[in-house]
C-alpha atoms as a PDB file:
ATOM      1  CA  MET A   1       3.612  12.256 -11.003  1.00  0.00           C
ATOM      2  CA  LYS A   2       4.844  13.263  -7.583  1.00  0.00           C
ATOM      3  CA  ILE A   3       2.069  14.438  -5.280  1.00  0.00           C
ATOM      4  CA  ILE A   4       1.487  15.873  -1.823  1.00  0.00           C
ATOM      5  CA  ILE A   5      -1.500  14.668   0.205  1.00  0.00           C
ATOM      6  CA  THR A   6      -2.655  16.245   3.461  1.00  0.00           C
ATOM      7  CA  GLY A   7      -5.197  14.819   5.869  1.00  0.00           C
ATOM      8  CA  THR A   8      -3.886  11.263   5.592  1.00  0.00           C
ATOM      9  CA  THR A   9      -4.878  10.566   9.196  1.00  0.00           C
ATOM     10  CA  GLY A  10      -8.521  11.102   8.190  1.00  0.00           C
ATOM     11  CA  MET A  11     -10.877   8.978   6.111  1.00  0.00           C
ATOM     12  CA  VAL A  12     -10.689  10.861   2.811  1.00  0.00           C
ATOM     13  CA  GLY A  13      -6.961  11.568   2.899  1.00  0.00           C
ATOM     14  CA  GLU A  14      -6.108   8.015   3.902  1.00  0.00           C
ATOM     15  CA  GLY A  15      -8.297   6.562   1.155  1.00  0.00           C
ATOM     16  CA  ILE A  16      -6.868   8.811  -1.555  1.00  0.00           C
ATOM     17  CA  MET A  17      -3.323   8.056  -0.407  1.00  0.00           C
ATOM     18  CA  LEU A  18      -3.865   4.283  -0.462  1.00  0.00           C
ATOM     19  CA  GLU A  19      -5.363   4.427  -3.939  1.00  0.00           C
ATOM     20  CA  CYS A  20      -2.577   6.658  -5.269  1.00  0.00           C
ATOM     21  CA  LEU A  21       0.098   4.318  -3.930  1.00  0.00           C
ATOM     22  CA  LYS A  22      -1.398   1.539  -6.070  1.00  0.00           C
ATOM     23  CA  LEU A  23      -1.251   3.513  -9.310  1.00  0.00           C
ATOM     24  CA  SER A  24       1.663   3.406 -11.730  1.00  0.00           C
ATOM     25  CA  GLN A  25       1.015   7.061 -12.651  1.00  0.00           C
ATOM     26  CA  ILE A  26       2.237   8.056  -9.183  1.00  0.00           C
ATOM     27  CA  THR A  27       5.953   7.755  -8.438  1.00  0.00           C
ATOM     28  CA  GLU A  28       5.994   9.485  -5.036  1.00  0.00           C
ATOM     29  CA  VAL A  29       3.502  10.527  -2.370  1.00  0.00           C
ATOM     30  CA  LEU A  30       4.449  12.993   0.351  1.00  0.00           C
ATOM     31  CA  SER A  31       2.062  12.739   3.296  1.00  0.00           C
ATOM     32  CA  VAL A  32       1.975  15.991   5.267  1.00  0.00           C
ATOM     33  CA  SER A  33       0.220  15.480   8.580  1.00  0.00           C
ATOM     34  CA  ARG A  34       0.347  16.363  12.247  1.00  0.00           C
ATOM     35  CA  LYS A  35       1.207  12.839  13.346  1.00  0.00           C
ATOM     36  CA  PRO A  36       2.676   9.669  11.799  1.00  0.00           C
ATOM     37  CA  ILE A  37       0.282   7.602   9.705  1.00  0.00           C
ATOM     38  CA  GLY A  38       1.797   4.212  10.549  1.00  0.00           C
ATOM     39  CA  ILE A  39       2.126   3.024   6.956  1.00  0.00           C
ATOM     40  CA  LYS A  40       5.272   2.002   5.093  1.00  0.00           C
ATOM     41  CA  HIS A  41       5.513   1.943   1.293  1.00  0.00           C
ATOM     42  CA  PRO A  42       8.392   2.451  -1.173  1.00  0.00           C
ATOM     43  CA  LYS A  43       6.601   5.408  -2.783  1.00  0.00           C
ATOM     44  CA  LEU A  44       5.591   7.054   0.492  1.00  0.00           C
ATOM     45  CA  ARG A  45       7.393   9.876   2.294  1.00  0.00           C
ATOM     46  CA  GLU A  46       6.217  11.615   5.468  1.00  0.00           C
ATOM     47  CA  TYR A  47       6.558  15.185   6.650  1.00  0.00           C
ATOM     48  CA  ILE A  48       5.250  15.670  10.196  1.00  0.00           C
ATOM     49  CA  VAL A  49       4.076  19.222  10.821  1.00  0.00           C
ATOM     50  CA  SER A  50       2.456  19.927  14.179  1.00  0.00           C
ATOM     51  CA  ASP A  51       1.043  23.289  13.040  1.00  0.00           C
ATOM     52  CA  PHE A  52       0.498  24.003   9.339  1.00  0.00           C
ATOM     53  CA  LEU A  53       0.368  27.727  10.094  1.00  0.00           C
ATOM     54  CA  ALA A  54       3.980  27.527  11.287  1.00  0.00           C
ATOM     55  CA  LEU A  55       5.217  26.415   7.868  1.00  0.00           C
ATOM     56  CA  LYS A  56       7.389  28.904   5.997  1.00  0.00           C
ATOM     57  CA  GLU A  57       6.901  29.870   2.385  1.00  0.00           C
ATOM     58  CA  ASN A  58       9.220  28.087  -0.057  1.00  0.00           C
ATOM     59  CA  ASP A  59       9.717  25.179   2.365  1.00  0.00           C
ATOM     60  CA  THR A  60      12.259  22.978   0.574  1.00  0.00           C
ATOM     61  CA  LYS A  61      10.482  19.776   1.670  1.00  0.00           C
ATOM     62  CA  LEU A  62       7.419  20.849  -0.309  1.00  0.00           C
ATOM     63  CA  LYS A  63       9.252  21.545  -3.557  1.00  0.00           C
ATOM     64  CA  GLY A  64       9.417  19.383  -6.664  1.00  0.00           C
ATOM     65  CA  TYR A  65       5.825  18.107  -6.674  1.00  0.00           C
ATOM     66  CA  ASP A  66       3.289  18.169  -9.491  1.00  0.00           C
ATOM     67  CA  ALA A  67       0.121  18.452  -7.425  1.00  0.00           C
ATOM     68  CA  CYS A  68      -1.290  18.795  -3.931  1.00  0.00           C
ATOM     69  CA  PHE A  69      -4.431  16.953  -2.853  1.00  0.00           C
ATOM     70  CA  PHE A  70      -5.530  18.896   0.235  1.00  0.00           C
ATOM     71  CA  CYS A  71      -7.789  16.516   2.167  1.00  0.00           C
ATOM     72  CA  ALA A  72      -7.247  17.923   5.664  1.00  0.00           C
ATOM     73  CA  GLY A  73     -10.314  19.315   7.348  1.00  0.00           C
ATOM     74  CA  VAL A  74     -12.474  19.428  10.426  1.00  0.00           C
ATOM     75  CA  SER A  75     -16.176  19.291  11.198  1.00  0.00           C
ATOM     76  CA  SER A  76     -17.848  22.565  12.128  1.00  0.00           C
ATOM     77  CA  VAL A  77     -19.805  20.825  14.896  1.00  0.00           C
ATOM     78  CA  GLY A  78     -18.867  22.023  18.359  1.00  0.00           C
ATOM     79  CA  ILE A  79     -16.412  24.777  17.408  1.00  0.00           C
ATOM     80  CA  SER A  80     -16.812  28.523  16.951  1.00  0.00           C
ATOM     81  CA  GLU A  81     -17.014  30.188  13.553  1.00  0.00           C
ATOM     82  CA  GLU A  82     -13.698  31.918  14.274  1.00  0.00           C
ATOM     83  CA  GLU A  83     -11.945  28.629  15.031  1.00  0.00           C
ATOM     84  CA  TYR A  84     -13.510  26.919  12.023  1.00  0.00           C
ATOM     85  CA  LYS A  85     -12.293  29.738   9.783  1.00  0.00           C
ATOM     86  CA  ARG A  86      -8.786  29.485  11.216  1.00  0.00           C
ATOM     87  CA  ILE A  87      -8.617  25.768  10.519  1.00  0.00           C
ATOM     88  CA  SER A  88     -10.528  25.567   7.240  1.00  0.00           C
ATOM     89  CA  TYR A  89      -9.603  28.845   5.572  1.00  0.00           C
ATOM     90  CA  GLU A  90      -6.436  30.321   7.052  1.00  0.00           C
ATOM     91  CA  THR A  91      -4.594  27.011   7.352  1.00  0.00           C
ATOM     92  CA  THR A  92      -5.505  25.902   3.826  1.00  0.00           C
ATOM     93  CA  LEU A  93      -4.515  29.199   2.194  1.00  0.00           C
ATOM     94  CA  HIS A  94      -1.289  29.382   4.171  1.00  0.00           C
ATOM     95  CA  PHE A  95      -0.345  25.842   3.166  1.00  0.00           C
ATOM     96  CA  ALA A  96      -1.103  26.578  -0.483  1.00  0.00           C
ATOM     97  CA  LYS A  97       1.113  29.661  -0.426  1.00  0.00           C
ATOM     98  CA  CYS A  98       3.938  27.652   1.147  1.00  0.00           C
ATOM     99  CA  LEU A  99       3.942  25.486  -2.005  1.00  0.00           C
ATOM    100  CA  ASN A 100       5.135  28.470  -4.039  1.00  0.00           C
ATOM    101  CA  PRO A 101       2.116  28.412  -6.402  1.00  0.00           C
ATOM    102  CA  ASN A 102       3.213  28.143 -10.015  1.00  0.00           C
ATOM    103  CA  SER A 103       1.998  27.144 -13.454  1.00  0.00           C
ATOM    104  CA  GLN A 104       3.495  23.636 -13.161  1.00  0.00           C
ATOM    105  CA  MET A 105       1.524  22.618 -10.068  1.00  0.00           C
ATOM    106  CA  SER A 106      -2.164  21.835  -9.523  1.00  0.00           C
ATOM    107  CA  PHE A 107      -3.991  22.218  -6.216  1.00  0.00           C
ATOM    108  CA  ILE A 108      -7.079  20.222  -5.262  1.00  0.00           C
ATOM    109  CA  TYR A 109      -9.068  21.241  -2.193  1.00  0.00           C
ATOM    110  CA  VAL A 110     -11.616  18.786  -0.834  1.00  0.00           C
ATOM    111  CA  SER A 111     -14.509  20.996   0.245  1.00  0.00           C
ATOM    112  CA  GLY A 112     -17.906  19.286   0.120  1.00  0.00           C
ATOM    113  CA  GLY A 113     -21.476  19.453  -1.072  1.00  0.00           C
ATOM    114  CA  GLY A 114     -23.293  22.596   0.014  1.00  0.00           C
ATOM    115  CA  THR A 115     -20.239  24.835  -0.238  1.00  0.00           C
ATOM    116  CA  ASP A 116     -21.365  28.420  -0.867  1.00  0.00           C
ATOM    117  CA  SER A 117     -19.391  30.137  -3.632  1.00  0.00           C
ATOM    118  CA  SER A 118     -21.307  33.378  -3.089  1.00  0.00           C
ATOM    119  CA  GLU A 119     -20.003  33.567   0.511  1.00  0.00           C
ATOM    120  CA  LYS A 120     -23.364  35.094   1.475  1.00  0.00           C
ATOM    121  CA  GLY A 121     -25.372  32.139   2.736  1.00  0.00           C
ATOM    122  CA  ARG A 122     -26.664  31.543   6.254  1.00  0.00           C
ATOM    123  CA  MET A 123     -24.409  28.580   7.025  1.00  0.00           C
ATOM    124  CA  ALA A 124     -21.003  29.723   8.287  1.00  0.00           C
ATOM    125  CA  TRP A 125     -19.187  26.539   7.283  1.00  0.00           C
ATOM    126  CA  ALA A 126     -20.524  26.791   3.717  1.00  0.00           C
ATOM    127  CA  ARG A 127     -19.468  30.448   3.409  1.00  0.00           C
ATOM    128  CA  ILE A 128     -16.002  29.692   4.756  1.00  0.00           C
ATOM    129  CA  LYS A 129     -15.467  26.765   2.415  1.00  0.00           C
ATOM    130  CA  GLY A 130     -16.726  28.899  -0.469  1.00  0.00           C
ATOM    131  CA  LYS A 131     -14.257  31.655   0.371  1.00  0.00           C
ATOM    132  CA  THR A 132     -11.489  29.057   0.626  1.00  0.00           C
ATOM    133  CA  GLU A 133     -12.296  27.733  -2.851  1.00  0.00           C
ATOM    134  CA  ASN A 134     -12.530  31.228  -4.309  1.00  0.00           C
ATOM    135  CA  ASP A 135      -9.230  32.442  -2.873  1.00  0.00           C
ATOM    136  CA  LEU A 136      -7.352  29.278  -3.817  1.00  0.00           C
ATOM    137  CA  MET A 137      -8.468  29.792  -7.401  1.00  0.00           C
ATOM    138  CA  LYS A 138      -6.879  33.255  -7.393  1.00  0.00           C
ATOM    139  CA  LEU A 139      -3.424  31.813  -6.701  1.00  0.00           C
ATOM    140  CA  PRO A 140      -1.137  31.237  -9.720  1.00  0.00           C
ATOM    141  CA  PHE A 141      -1.388  27.448  -9.787  1.00  0.00           C
ATOM    142  CA  LYS A 142      -1.741  25.571 -13.078  1.00  0.00           C
ATOM    143  CA  GLN A 143      -5.348  25.156 -11.881  1.00  0.00           C
ATOM    144  CA  ALA A 144      -6.961  25.005  -8.450  1.00  0.00           C
ATOM    145  CA  PHE A 145     -10.062  22.904  -7.872  1.00  0.00           C
ATOM    146  CA  GLY A 146     -12.784  22.722  -5.249  1.00  0.00           C
ATOM    147  CA  TYR A 147     -13.881  19.100  -4.925  1.00  0.00           C
ATOM    148  CA  ARG A 148     -17.477  18.972  -3.706  1.00  0.00           C
ATOM    149  CA  ILE A 149     -17.483  15.302  -2.909  1.00  0.00           C
ATOM    150  CA  GLY A 150     -20.570  13.448  -1.793  1.00  0.00           C
ATOM    151  CA  PHE A 151     -20.579  10.017  -0.180  1.00  0.00           C
ATOM    152  CA  ILE A 152     -17.309   8.181  -0.869  1.00  0.00           C
ATOM    153  CA  VAL A 153     -17.093   4.402  -0.667  1.00  0.00           C
ATOM    154  CA  ALA A 154     -14.066   3.555   1.461  1.00  0.00           C
ATOM    155  CA  THR A 155     -11.332   1.360   0.021  1.00  0.00           C
ATOM    156  CA  LYS A 156     -11.013  -2.028   1.698  1.00  0.00           C
ATOM    157  CA  GLU A 157      -7.581  -1.393   3.256  1.00  0.00           C
ATOM    158  CA  GLN A 158      -8.732   1.674   5.160  1.00  0.00           C
ATOM    159  CA  THR A 159      -8.579   1.819   8.939  1.00  0.00           C
ATOM    160  CA  LYS A 160      -9.671   5.432   9.468  1.00  0.00           C
ATOM    161  CA  VAL A 161     -13.305   5.038   8.492  1.00  0.00           C
ATOM    162  CA  LYS A 162     -15.833   7.319  10.163  1.00  0.00           C
ATOM    163  CA  LYS A 163     -18.308   5.653  12.487  1.00  0.00           C
ATOM    164  CA  TYR A 164     -21.366   6.832  10.564  1.00  0.00           C
ATOM    165  CA  TYR A 165     -20.044   5.064   7.463  1.00  0.00           C
ATOM    166  CA  ARG A 166     -20.221   1.694   9.185  1.00  0.00           C
ATOM    167  CA  TYR A 167     -23.860   2.277  10.117  1.00  0.00           C
ATOM    168  CA  ILE A 168     -25.151   3.411   6.736  1.00  0.00           C
ATOM    169  CA  SER A 169     -22.939   1.403   4.349  1.00  0.00           C
ATOM    170  CA  TRP A 170     -25.697  -1.198   4.026  1.00  0.00           C
ATOM    171  CA  LEU A 171     -27.804   1.505   2.348  1.00  0.00           C
ATOM    172  CA  LEU A 172     -25.279   2.028  -0.444  1.00  0.00           C
ATOM    173  CA  PRO A 173     -27.059  -0.059  -3.111  1.00  0.00           C
ATOM    174  CA  PHE A 174     -30.253   1.954  -2.520  1.00  0.00           C
ATOM    175  CA  ILE A 175     -28.404   5.295  -2.462  1.00  0.00           C
ATOM    176  CA  LYS A 176     -26.614   4.475  -5.732  1.00  0.00           C
ATOM    177  CA  LEU A 177     -29.930   3.579  -7.322  1.00  0.00           C
ATOM    178  CA  VAL A 178     -31.909   6.664  -6.359  1.00  0.00           C
ATOM    179  CA  MET A 179     -29.075   9.241  -6.085  1.00  0.00           C
ATOM    180  CA  PRO A 180     -26.228   8.061  -8.337  1.00  0.00           C
ATOM    181  CA  ASN A 181     -24.617  11.495  -8.478  1.00  0.00           C
ATOM    182  CA  ILE A 182     -23.765  11.691  -4.791  1.00  0.00           C
ATOM    183  CA  VAL A 183     -21.741   8.444  -4.558  1.00  0.00           C
ATOM    184  CA  SER A 184     -18.224   7.728  -5.813  1.00  0.00           C
ATOM    185  CA  THR A 185     -15.422   5.397  -4.796  1.00  0.00           C
ATOM    186  CA  MET A 186     -12.033   6.362  -3.406  1.00  0.00           C
ATOM    187  CA  GLN A 187     -10.478   4.966  -6.563  1.00  0.00           C
ATOM    188  CA  GLN A 188     -12.658   7.197  -8.740  1.00  0.00           C
ATOM    189  CA  VAL A 189     -11.772  10.251  -6.672  1.00  0.00           C
ATOM    190  CA  ALA A 190      -8.039   9.490  -6.815  1.00  0.00           C
ATOM    191  CA  LEU A 191      -8.109   8.838 -10.574  1.00  0.00           C
ATOM    192  CA  SER A 192     -10.073  12.027 -11.195  1.00  0.00           C
ATOM    193  CA  MET A 193      -7.588  14.058  -9.134  1.00  0.00           C
ATOM    194  CA  ILE A 194      -4.728  12.686 -11.188  1.00  0.00           C
ATOM    195  CA  TYR A 195      -6.550  13.450 -14.436  1.00  0.00           C
ATOM    196  CA  ALA A 196      -7.440  16.992 -13.340  1.00  0.00           C
ATOM    197  CA  SER A 197      -3.869  17.654 -12.218  1.00  0.00           C
ATOM    198  CA  LYS A 198      -2.382  16.475 -15.507  1.00  0.00           C
ATOM    199  CA  HIS A 199      -4.903  17.756 -18.025  1.00  0.00           C
ATOM    200  CA  GLY A 200      -6.951  20.417 -16.265  1.00  0.00           C
ATOM    201  CA  TYR A 201     -10.722  20.524 -16.524  1.00  0.00           C
ATOM    202  CA  MET A 202     -13.330  22.794 -18.059  1.00  0.00           C
ATOM    203  CA  GLN A 203     -14.426  24.009 -14.616  1.00  0.00           C
ATOM    204  CA  SER A 204     -12.750  24.426 -11.264  1.00  0.00           C
ATOM    205  CA  VAL A 205     -15.681  23.407  -9.057  1.00  0.00           C
ATOM    206  CA  ILE A 206     -15.914  19.626  -9.260  1.00  0.00           C
ATOM    207  CA  TYR A 207     -18.993  17.527  -8.488  1.00  0.00           C
ATOM    208  CA  VAL A 208     -19.480  13.754  -8.309  1.00  0.00           C
ATOM    209  CA  LYS A 209     -20.515  13.518 -11.961  1.00  0.00           C
ATOM    210  CA  ASP A 210     -17.267  15.277 -12.918  1.00  0.00           C
ATOM    211  CA  ILE A 211     -15.280  12.911 -10.705  1.00  0.00           C
ATOM    212  CA  LYS A 212     -16.742   9.938 -12.546  1.00  0.00           C
ATOM    213  CA  THR A 213     -16.140  11.515 -15.963  1.00  0.00           C
ATOM    214  CA  MET A 214     -12.471  12.257 -15.247  1.00  0.00           C
ATOM    215  CA  ALA A 215     -11.861   8.869 -13.613  1.00  0.00           C
ATOM    216  CA  GLU A 216     -13.113   7.133 -16.754  1.00  0.00           C
ATOM    217  CA  LYS A 217     -10.868   9.308 -18.928  1.00  0.00           C
ATOM    218  CA  GLU A 218      -7.826   8.559 -16.774  1.00  0.00           C
ATOM    219  CA  ILE A 219      -8.195   4.801 -17.163  1.00  0.00           C
ATOM    220  CA  SER A 220      -9.211   4.848 -20.835  1.00  0.00           C
END
């Protein structure tokens, strides 16, 4: 498979990219980001795009890929609802349309737990992510997925790990014990994305339990 990954300068995107580069199933990774990621690998290509909204539809550099793992995102803390919508909804949908959605390509959008599919809840970020999921699923991809990830265990090579992770990582054994369905590893997420892209899945909204199920199927 040849895949596109966005958000590789962030924790989730970097982790997924590093795991995908290890896997024989992946022959090429195109990192699309606003700045260089500082990593060299025979399978890795980079496309630096300062503003995703400036991309044109049918961009030739985005053609020929089997799937897109859209891991780019921003926290809603400290920004207006309008700005959050521009970044989280408008940018994501525009990028997806620039891929020339078709029945040979899968699109995976990393949203998050608490995303509101009804688009009617009180939390603006949850409504916006829900609308993003819903509208991506209307595009003519092979299948589009909303990945409602929980707590992801970083892979050891990562450098872009969020500060909070360092403070609460010691709680992981306890969290896994009492809430096993909110924790997955970067490897499990990457494997599940590959499985979903190749084979599809019975639902388009993906939770941690689904991630674990697909990861097991991909390595079996």
